[in-house]
């Protein structure tokens, strides 16, 4: 497989993990030292991956509600053959997010090492 295909497959695992709230997929795609960042409230907020994992574990999955999938790759920016940032858009219930996912390829394949996210909008239907 090409690096492009491998990274696309890893991004799909991310989409699937959030759509299904599947912790085995979550653990497969996020590096254990990953942190999440946002500034939607005006201050920079940092969440360790363990906190985010608990959120996913408790969340009712969009799949369980038969929510139509809305996830797309907007941009891939290659830093090197083993590092890239993938800009994605996805909907989780009524929330539409834009995420910048920093991927690094190691012995275990592509893993997200940092996530910067922004709540773009809240849709009328959930």
N, C-alpha and C. Protein backbone atom coordinates (compact mmCIF):
# COMPACT_ATOMS: atom_id res chain seq x y z
N UNK A 1 0.83 -1.19 0.00
CA UNK A 1 0.00 0.00 0.00
C UNK A 1 0.87 1.25 0.00
N UNK A 2 0.36 2.28 -0.57
CA UNK A 2 1.08 3.54 -0.60
C UNK A 2 0.88 4.27 0.73
N UNK A 3 1.73 5.26 0.98
CA UNK A 3 1.58 6.07 2.19
C UNK A 3 0.23 6.76 2.20
N UNK A 4 -0.22 7.20 1.00
CA UNK A 4 -1.51 7.87 0.91
C UNK A 4 -2.65 6.95 1.34
N UNK A 5 -2.65 5.74 0.82
CA UNK A 5 -3.69 4.77 1.16
C UNK A 5 -3.66 4.43 2.64
N UNK A 6 -2.48 4.23 3.19
CA UNK A 6 -2.35 3.92 4.61
C UNK A 6 -2.90 5.05 5.48
N UNK A 7 -2.59 6.28 5.12
CA UNK A 7 -3.08 7.42 5.89
C UNK A 7 -4.59 7.59 5.72
N UNK A 8 -5.10 7.37 4.53
CA UNK A 8 -6.56 7.42 4.32
C UNK A 8 -7.26 6.35 5.15
N UNK A 9 -6.68 5.16 5.20
CA UNK A 9 -7.26 4.08 6.01
C UNK A 9 -7.24 4.45 7.50
N UNK A 10 -6.15 5.06 7.96
CA UNK A 10 -6.06 5.48 9.36
C UNK A 10 -7.11 6.55 9.68
N UNK A 11 -7.31 7.47 8.75
CA UNK A 11 -8.31 8.51 8.95
C UNK A 11 -9.70 7.89 9.01
N UNK A 12 -9.94 6.87 8.20
CA UNK A 12 -11.24 6.18 8.24
C UNK A 12 -11.45 5.50 9.59
N UNK A 13 -10.39 4.95 10.17
CA UNK A 13 -10.50 4.35 11.50
C UNK A 13 -10.92 5.41 12.51
N UNK A 14 -10.37 6.61 12.39
CA UNK A 14 -10.75 7.72 13.26
C UNK A 14 -12.25 8.01 13.11
N UNK A 15 -12.70 8.16 11.86
CA UNK A 15 -14.12 8.42 11.62
C UNK A 15 -14.99 7.31 12.22
N UNK A 16 -14.59 6.07 11.98
CA UNK A 16 -15.37 4.92 12.48
C UNK A 16 -15.38 4.88 14.01
N UNK A 17 -14.25 5.17 14.63
CA UNK A 17 -14.17 5.15 16.09
C UNK A 17 -15.14 6.16 16.70
N UNK A 18 -15.23 7.35 16.12
CA UNK A 18 -16.12 8.37 16.67
C UNK A 18 -17.57 8.11 16.31
N UNK A 19 -17.82 7.54 15.15
CA UNK A 19 -19.20 7.25 14.75
C UNK A 19 -19.80 6.12 15.59
N UNK A 20 -18.98 5.12 15.89
CA UNK A 20 -19.48 3.95 16.63
C UNK A 20 -19.16 4.00 18.13
N UNK A 21 -18.30 4.95 18.53
CA UNK A 21 -17.80 5.01 19.91
C UNK A 21 -17.14 3.68 20.31
N UNK A 22 -16.41 3.11 19.38
CA UNK A 22 -15.74 1.82 19.57
C UNK A 22 -14.35 2.08 20.17
N UNK A 23 -14.16 1.69 21.42
CA UNK A 23 -12.91 1.97 22.11
C UNK A 23 -11.73 1.16 21.55
N UNK A 24 -11.98 0.01 20.96
CA UNK A 24 -10.87 -0.73 20.37
C UNK A 24 -10.32 0.02 19.15
N UNK A 25 -11.22 0.62 18.35
CA UNK A 25 -10.76 1.46 17.24
C UNK A 25 -10.10 2.73 17.76
N UNK A 26 -10.68 3.31 18.80
CA UNK A 26 -10.12 4.51 19.42
C UNK A 26 -8.68 4.26 19.86
N UNK A 27 -8.46 3.14 20.57
CA UNK A 27 -7.13 2.81 21.06
C UNK A 27 -6.16 2.49 19.92
N UNK A 28 -6.69 2.00 18.82
CA UNK A 28 -5.87 1.67 17.66
C UNK A 28 -5.34 2.92 16.96
N UNK A 29 -6.12 3.99 16.95
CA UNK A 29 -5.77 5.16 16.14
C UNK A 29 -5.10 6.27 16.95
N UNK A 30 -5.41 6.40 18.24
CA UNK A 30 -4.80 7.46 19.05
C UNK A 30 -3.56 6.96 19.77
N UNK A 31 -2.47 7.70 19.67
CA UNK A 31 -1.27 7.39 20.43
C UNK A 31 -1.57 7.61 21.91
N UNK A 32 -1.05 6.77 22.80
CA UNK A 32 -1.37 6.91 24.22
C UNK A 32 -0.91 8.23 24.85
N UNK A 33 -0.01 8.95 24.21
CA UNK A 33 0.44 10.24 24.74
C UNK A 33 -0.23 11.43 24.04
N UNK A 34 -1.22 11.16 23.21
CA UNK A 34 -1.92 12.21 22.47
C UNK A 34 -2.61 13.18 23.42
N UNK A 35 -2.68 14.44 22.99
CA UNK A 35 -3.47 15.45 23.70
C UNK A 35 -4.37 16.14 22.70
N UNK A 36 -5.47 16.71 23.22
CA UNK A 36 -6.43 17.43 22.39
C UNK A 36 -6.45 18.88 22.82
N UNK A 37 -6.61 19.76 21.84
CA UNK A 37 -6.56 21.18 22.10
C UNK A 37 -7.74 21.87 21.42
N UNK A 38 -8.28 22.89 22.09
CA UNK A 38 -9.25 23.77 21.45
C UNK A 38 -9.23 25.11 22.16
N UNK A 39 -9.77 26.11 21.50
CA UNK A 39 -9.83 27.46 22.08
C UNK A 39 -11.21 28.06 21.87
N UNK A 40 -12.23 27.21 21.74
CA UNK A 40 -13.58 27.70 21.45
C UNK A 40 -14.14 28.58 22.56
N UNK A 41 -13.69 28.42 23.77
CA UNK A 41 -14.20 29.22 24.89
C UNK A 41 -13.33 30.45 25.15
N UNK A 42 -12.37 30.71 24.27
CA UNK A 42 -11.51 31.87 24.42
C UNK A 42 -10.17 31.58 25.06
N UNK A 43 -10.09 30.53 25.86
CA UNK A 43 -8.83 30.11 26.47
C UNK A 43 -8.43 28.77 25.85
N UNK A 44 -7.14 28.52 25.80
CA UNK A 44 -6.67 27.25 25.25
C UNK A 44 -6.97 26.15 26.26
N UNK A 45 -7.73 25.16 25.81
CA UNK A 45 -8.07 24.01 26.64
C UNK A 45 -7.27 22.82 26.15
N UNK A 46 -6.70 22.06 27.07
CA UNK A 46 -5.92 20.88 26.74
C UNK A 46 -6.51 19.69 27.49
N UNK A 47 -6.81 18.64 26.74
CA UNK A 47 -7.33 17.41 27.35
C UNK A 47 -6.40 16.26 27.01
N UNK A 48 -5.97 15.49 28.01
CA UNK A 48 -5.21 14.29 27.72
C UNK A 48 -6.11 13.24 27.07
N UNK A 49 -5.52 12.34 26.35
CA UNK A 49 -6.29 11.33 25.62
C UNK A 49 -7.13 10.48 26.58
N UNK A 50 -6.67 10.26 27.79
CA UNK A 50 -7.44 9.45 28.74
C UNK A 50 -8.78 10.11 29.07
N UNK A 51 -8.80 11.44 29.18
CA UNK A 51 -10.06 12.14 29.45
C UNK A 51 -11.00 12.02 28.26
N UNK A 52 -10.46 12.19 27.07
CA UNK A 52 -11.27 12.09 25.85
C UNK A 52 -11.81 10.67 25.68
N UNK A 53 -11.00 9.68 26.03
CA UNK A 53 -11.44 8.29 25.93
C UNK A 53 -12.66 8.05 26.83
N UNK A 54 -12.67 8.65 28.02
CA UNK A 54 -13.82 8.52 28.92
C UNK A 54 -15.07 9.16 28.32
N UNK A 55 -14.90 10.28 27.64
CA UNK A 55 -16.03 10.94 26.97
C UNK A 55 -16.61 10.01 25.91
N UNK A 56 -15.75 9.40 25.11
CA UNK A 56 -16.21 8.49 24.05
C UNK A 56 -16.88 7.27 24.66
N UNK A 57 -16.33 6.76 25.76
CA UNK A 57 -16.90 5.57 26.41
C UNK A 57 -18.33 5.82 26.90
N UNK A 58 -18.63 7.05 27.30
CA UNK A 58 -19.94 7.39 27.85
C UNK A 58 -20.92 7.93 26.80
N UNK A 59 -20.40 8.29 25.64
CA UNK A 59 -21.23 8.93 24.61
C UNK A 59 -22.15 7.92 23.94
N UNK A 60 -23.39 8.31 23.70
CA UNK A 60 -24.27 7.51 22.86
C UNK A 60 -23.76 7.68 21.42
N UNK A 61 -23.48 6.58 20.77
CA UNK A 61 -22.86 6.67 19.44
C UNK A 61 -23.86 7.16 18.39
N UNK A 62 -23.36 7.93 17.43
CA UNK A 62 -24.21 8.29 16.30
C UNK A 62 -24.74 7.05 15.57
N UNK A 63 -23.95 5.99 15.53
CA UNK A 63 -24.39 4.76 14.88
C UNK A 63 -25.62 4.18 15.56
N UNK A 64 -25.67 4.25 16.88
CA UNK A 64 -26.82 3.68 17.60
C UNK A 64 -28.10 4.45 17.35
N UNK A 65 -27.95 5.70 16.90
CA UNK A 65 -29.11 6.52 16.54
C UNK A 65 -29.40 6.46 15.04
N UNK A 66 -28.64 5.65 14.34
CA UNK A 66 -28.74 5.56 12.86
C UNK A 66 -28.56 6.92 12.21
N UNK A 67 -27.68 7.73 12.79
CA UNK A 67 -27.37 9.04 12.21
C UNK A 67 -26.65 8.84 10.88
N UNK A 68 -27.06 9.57 9.89
CA UNK A 68 -26.37 9.51 8.61
C UNK A 68 -24.94 9.97 8.79
N UNK A 69 -24.00 9.24 8.15
CA UNK A 69 -22.59 9.60 8.25
C UNK A 69 -22.34 10.93 7.55
N UNK A 70 -21.64 11.81 8.22
CA UNK A 70 -21.18 13.06 7.64
C UNK A 70 -19.74 13.25 8.09
N UNK A 71 -18.83 12.69 7.34
CA UNK A 71 -17.42 12.87 7.64
C UNK A 71 -16.66 12.96 6.32
N UNK A 72 -15.69 13.88 6.29
CA UNK A 72 -14.93 14.07 5.07
C UNK A 72 -13.53 14.58 5.38
N UNK A 73 -12.62 14.21 4.51
CA UNK A 73 -11.26 14.74 4.56
C UNK A 73 -11.25 16.01 3.73
N UNK A 74 -10.79 17.09 4.32
CA UNK A 74 -10.71 18.38 3.63
C UNK A 74 -9.33 18.58 3.01
N UNK A 75 -8.29 18.18 3.74
CA UNK A 75 -6.92 18.47 3.33
C UNK A 75 -5.96 17.50 3.98
N UNK A 76 -4.93 17.12 3.25
CA UNK A 76 -3.80 16.38 3.82
C UNK A 76 -2.55 17.20 3.53
N UNK A 77 -1.81 17.50 4.59
CA UNK A 77 -0.56 18.25 4.48
C UNK A 77 0.56 17.35 4.97
N UNK A 78 1.44 16.95 4.06
CA UNK A 78 2.54 16.05 4.38
C UNK A 78 3.73 16.83 4.91
N UNK A 79 4.17 16.53 6.12
CA UNK A 79 5.39 17.08 6.67
C UNK A 79 6.59 16.27 6.20
N UNK A 80 6.40 14.97 6.15
CA UNK A 80 7.43 14.01 5.71
C UNK A 80 6.70 12.72 5.34
N UNK A 81 7.40 11.71 4.85
CA UNK A 81 6.72 10.44 4.58
C UNK A 81 6.12 9.77 5.82
N UNK A 82 6.55 10.21 7.01
CA UNK A 82 6.07 9.59 8.25
C UNK A 82 5.32 10.56 9.15
N UNK A 83 4.95 11.74 8.62
CA UNK A 83 4.21 12.70 9.43
C UNK A 83 3.32 13.54 8.53
N UNK A 84 2.07 13.72 8.96
CA UNK A 84 1.11 14.49 8.17
C UNK A 84 0.03 15.05 9.08
N UNK A 85 -0.55 16.15 8.65
CA UNK A 85 -1.73 16.70 9.31
C UNK A 85 -2.91 16.50 8.37
N UNK A 86 -4.00 15.97 8.91
CA UNK A 86 -5.21 15.73 8.13
C UNK A 86 -6.30 16.63 8.71
N UNK A 87 -6.85 17.48 7.87
CA UNK A 87 -7.97 18.34 8.27
C UNK A 87 -9.25 17.64 7.86
N UNK A 88 -10.14 17.42 8.84
CA UNK A 88 -11.38 16.70 8.59
C UNK A 88 -12.57 17.50 9.11
N UNK A 89 -13.73 17.14 8.59
CA UNK A 89 -15.00 17.69 9.05
C UNK A 89 -15.91 16.51 9.34
N UNK A 90 -16.59 16.56 10.49
CA UNK A 90 -17.50 15.48 10.82
C UNK A 90 -18.59 15.97 11.74
N UNK A 91 -19.70 15.24 11.71
CA UNK A 91 -20.82 15.57 12.58
C UNK A 91 -20.99 14.46 13.59
N UNK A 92 -21.10 14.87 14.86
CA UNK A 92 -21.42 13.96 15.96
C UNK A 92 -22.71 14.50 16.57
N UNK A 93 -23.81 13.80 16.36
CA UNK A 93 -25.13 14.26 16.76
C UNK A 93 -25.39 15.62 16.11
N UNK A 94 -25.67 16.65 16.86
CA UNK A 94 -25.96 17.96 16.26
C UNK A 94 -24.70 18.80 16.01
N UNK A 95 -23.58 18.36 16.53
CA UNK A 95 -22.35 19.15 16.46
C UNK A 95 -21.53 18.84 15.21
N UNK A 96 -21.12 19.88 14.52
CA UNK A 96 -20.25 19.75 13.36
C UNK A 96 -18.88 20.28 13.76
N UNK A 97 -17.87 19.43 13.64
CA UNK A 97 -16.52 19.75 14.06
C UNK A 97 -15.57 19.84 12.87
N UNK A 98 -14.58 20.70 13.01
CA UNK A 98 -13.41 20.70 12.14
C UNK A 98 -12.25 20.28 13.02
N UNK A 99 -11.53 19.25 12.61
CA UNK A 99 -10.40 18.73 13.37
C UNK A 99 -9.13 18.78 12.53
N UNK A 100 -8.05 19.13 13.16
CA UNK A 100 -6.72 18.96 12.57
C UNK A 100 -6.08 17.80 13.34
N UNK A 101 -5.84 16.72 12.64
CA UNK A 101 -5.29 15.51 13.24
C UNK A 101 -3.83 15.38 12.84
N UNK A 102 -2.94 15.42 13.81
CA UNK A 102 -1.51 15.26 13.53
C UNK A 102 -1.17 13.79 13.65
N UNK A 103 -0.84 13.19 12.52
CA UNK A 103 -0.51 11.77 12.45
C UNK A 103 1.00 11.58 12.34
N UNK A 104 1.50 10.55 12.99
CA UNK A 104 2.89 10.12 12.84
C UNK A 104 2.87 8.62 12.60
N UNK A 105 3.71 8.18 11.66
CA UNK A 105 3.77 6.75 11.35
C UNK A 105 4.95 6.12 12.08
N UNK A 106 4.65 5.18 12.94
CA UNK A 106 5.68 4.44 13.66
C UNK A 106 5.55 2.96 13.37
N UNK A 107 6.12 2.15 14.21
CA UNK A 107 6.11 0.71 14.02
C UNK A 107 4.68 0.15 14.03
N UNK A 108 3.77 0.81 14.75
CA UNK A 108 2.37 0.38 14.82
C UNK A 108 1.50 1.02 13.75
N UNK A 109 2.10 1.70 12.78
CA UNK A 109 1.34 2.35 11.73
C UNK A 109 1.03 3.79 12.09
N UNK A 110 0.08 4.37 11.39
CA UNK A 110 -0.30 5.76 11.60
C UNK A 110 -1.09 5.92 12.89
N UNK A 111 -0.67 6.86 13.73
CA UNK A 111 -1.36 7.15 14.99
C UNK A 111 -1.52 8.66 15.12
N UNK A 112 -2.62 9.08 15.72
CA UNK A 112 -2.85 10.49 15.99
C UNK A 112 -2.08 10.85 17.25
N UNK A 113 -1.18 11.83 17.14
CA UNK A 113 -0.38 12.25 18.29
C UNK A 113 -0.88 13.57 18.88
N UNK A 114 -1.69 14.32 18.11
CA UNK A 114 -2.30 15.55 18.61
C UNK A 114 -3.55 15.83 17.79
N UNK A 115 -4.54 16.41 18.45
CA UNK A 115 -5.78 16.78 17.78
C UNK A 115 -6.14 18.20 18.22
N UNK A 116 -6.31 19.08 17.23
CA UNK A 116 -6.81 20.43 17.49
C UNK A 116 -8.18 20.48 16.86
N UNK A 117 -9.18 20.82 17.65
CA UNK A 117 -10.56 20.76 17.14
C UNK A 117 -11.28 22.07 17.38
N UNK A 118 -12.31 22.24 16.57
CA UNK A 118 -13.14 23.44 16.64
C UNK A 118 -14.60 23.04 16.37
N UNK A 119 -15.50 23.49 17.23
CA UNK A 119 -16.93 23.28 17.00
C UNK A 119 -17.37 24.33 15.99
N UNK A 120 -17.57 23.89 14.75
CA UNK A 120 -17.92 24.82 13.67
C UNK A 120 -19.36 25.29 13.76
N UNK A 121 -20.28 24.35 14.04
CA UNK A 121 -21.68 24.71 14.10
C UNK A 121 -22.47 23.63 14.81
N UNK A 122 -23.71 23.98 15.14
CA UNK A 122 -24.64 23.02 15.70
C UNK A 122 -25.80 22.96 14.73
N UNK A 123 -26.07 21.77 14.20
CA UNK A 123 -27.13 21.64 13.20
C UNK A 123 -28.48 21.52 13.88
N UNK A 124 -29.51 21.81 13.12
CA UNK A 124 -30.88 21.77 13.65
C UNK A 124 -31.33 20.36 13.95
N UNK A 125 -30.85 19.39 13.16
CA UNK A 125 -31.25 17.99 13.39
C UNK A 125 -30.13 17.24 14.04
N UNK A 126 -30.48 16.36 14.96
CA UNK A 126 -29.47 15.55 15.62
C UNK A 126 -29.84 14.10 15.46
